[in-house]
Amino acid sequence: MKVTIILSSLVVALFPATAIAQGCPLQDSYCCDASVKGSGPAMDGKDVGINCVRGGFDCGFGGQVTGCCARLAPLGGARGTGIDCTFN
């Protein structure tokens, strides 16, 4: 029990540092299968990530691209579309 709490605290403490290390100080880091340019008034000029998962660590190993996204749709999902992203 004590070990689980310590490890959980370490993961929570390191997650923000991982996002900053990936170049995402104000957004979350994601691994996405692809990126596309958004269209329409709300998304004009902004990138969208396809099939993204939060983490953004070592994305290239799995053939994915690393992106910094404002949020993931659907909300609360583990995998989905990255909204308002910037890709490296």
Protein backbone atom coordinates (compact mmCIF):
# COMPACT_ATOMS: atom_id res chain seq x y z
CA MET A 1 0.00 0.00 0.00
CA LYS A 2 2.77 2.43 0.94
CA VAL A 3 4.72 1.65 -2.25
CA THR A 4 1.61 2.21 -4.40
CA ILE A 5 1.02 5.65 -2.88
CA ILE A 6 4.65 6.67 -3.40
CA LEU A 7 4.65 5.49 -7.03
CA SER A 8 1.33 7.21 -7.73
CA SER A 9 2.66 10.45 -6.27
CA LEU A 10 5.79 10.17 -8.41
CA VAL A 11 3.75 9.71 -11.59
CA VAL A 12 1.54 12.70 -10.75
CA ALA A 13 4.59 14.82 -9.94
CA LEU A 14 6.45 13.89 -13.14
CA PHE A 15 3.54 14.28 -15.61
CA PRO A 16 3.73 18.11 -15.82
CA ALA A 17 7.50 17.91 -16.19
CA THR A 18 7.07 15.48 -19.10
CA ALA A 19 4.73 17.91 -20.89
CA ILE A 20 7.20 20.77 -20.44
CA ALA A 21 10.09 18.59 -21.63
CA GLN A 22 8.09 17.82 -24.79
CA GLY A 23 7.70 21.57 -25.43
CA CYS A 24 4.14 21.89 -24.10
CA PRO A 25 4.30 24.24 -21.11
CA LEU A 26 0.64 25.34 -21.33
CA GLN A 27 -0.95 22.33 -23.04
CA ASP A 28 -0.90 18.57 -22.66
CA SER A 29 1.42 16.43 -24.76
CA TYR A 30 -0.14 13.77 -27.03
CA CYS A 31 0.92 11.02 -29.42
CA CYS A 32 -1.25 11.09 -32.56
CA ASP A 33 -1.41 8.87 -35.63
CA ALA A 34 -1.64 11.90 -37.93
CA SER A 35 -2.23 15.65 -37.99
CA VAL A 36 -4.47 17.61 -40.35
CA LYS A 37 -5.26 21.30 -40.79
CA GLY A 38 -8.64 22.28 -39.41
CA SER A 39 -11.14 24.13 -41.56
CA GLY A 40 -14.10 26.38 -40.89
CA PRO A 41 -14.37 29.53 -38.78
CA ALA A 42 -13.68 27.84 -35.44
CA MET A 43 -10.69 25.78 -36.59
CA ASP A 44 -9.20 27.94 -39.33
CA GLY A 45 -5.43 27.46 -39.33
CA LYS A 46 -5.38 25.19 -36.29
CA ASP A 47 -4.17 21.61 -36.40
CA VAL A 48 -6.23 18.59 -35.37
CA GLY A 49 -4.72 15.32 -34.16
CA ILE A 50 -6.15 12.00 -35.32
CA ASN A 51 -6.36 9.04 -32.91
CA CYS A 52 -4.40 10.73 -30.11
CA VAL A 53 -3.48 9.43 -26.68
CA ARG A 54 -2.20 11.58 -23.80
CA GLY A 55 1.44 11.25 -22.84
CA GLY A 56 3.47 12.37 -25.82
CA PHE A 57 6.52 10.42 -24.71
CA ASP A 58 8.51 8.52 -27.37
CA CYS A 59 5.78 8.85 -30.02
CA GLY A 60 8.19 8.20 -32.91
CA PHE A 61 8.87 4.69 -31.64
CA GLY A 62 5.25 3.78 -32.44
CA GLY A 63 5.22 5.68 -35.75
CA GLN A 64 3.21 8.55 -34.31
CA VAL A 65 3.75 12.32 -34.18
CA THR A 66 4.12 14.37 -30.99
CA GLY A 67 1.70 17.22 -30.48
CA CYS A 68 0.71 19.79 -27.89
CA CYS A 69 -3.09 19.98 -27.78
CA ALA A 70 -5.55 22.09 -25.82
CA ARG A 71 -7.87 19.12 -25.23
CA LEU A 72 -8.99 15.71 -26.38
CA ALA A 73 -12.45 14.94 -27.75
CA PRO A 74 -14.48 13.19 -26.50
CA LEU A 75 -13.95 14.76 -23.08
CA GLY A 76 -12.80 12.22 -20.53
CA GLY A 77 -11.76 9.74 -23.22
CA ALA A 78 -8.40 7.96 -23.20
CA ARG A 79 -8.05 8.17 -26.99
CA GLY A 80 -9.61 10.54 -29.49
CA THR A 81 -9.23 13.70 -31.55
CA GLY A 82 -6.70 16.30 -30.43
CA ILE A 83 -8.15 19.82 -30.60
CA ASP A 84 -6.13 23.01 -31.23
CA CYS A 85 -2.77 21.23 -31.57
CA THR A 86 0.75 22.21 -32.49
CA PHE A 87 2.94 19.42 -33.88
CA ASN A 88 6.73 19.17 -33.81
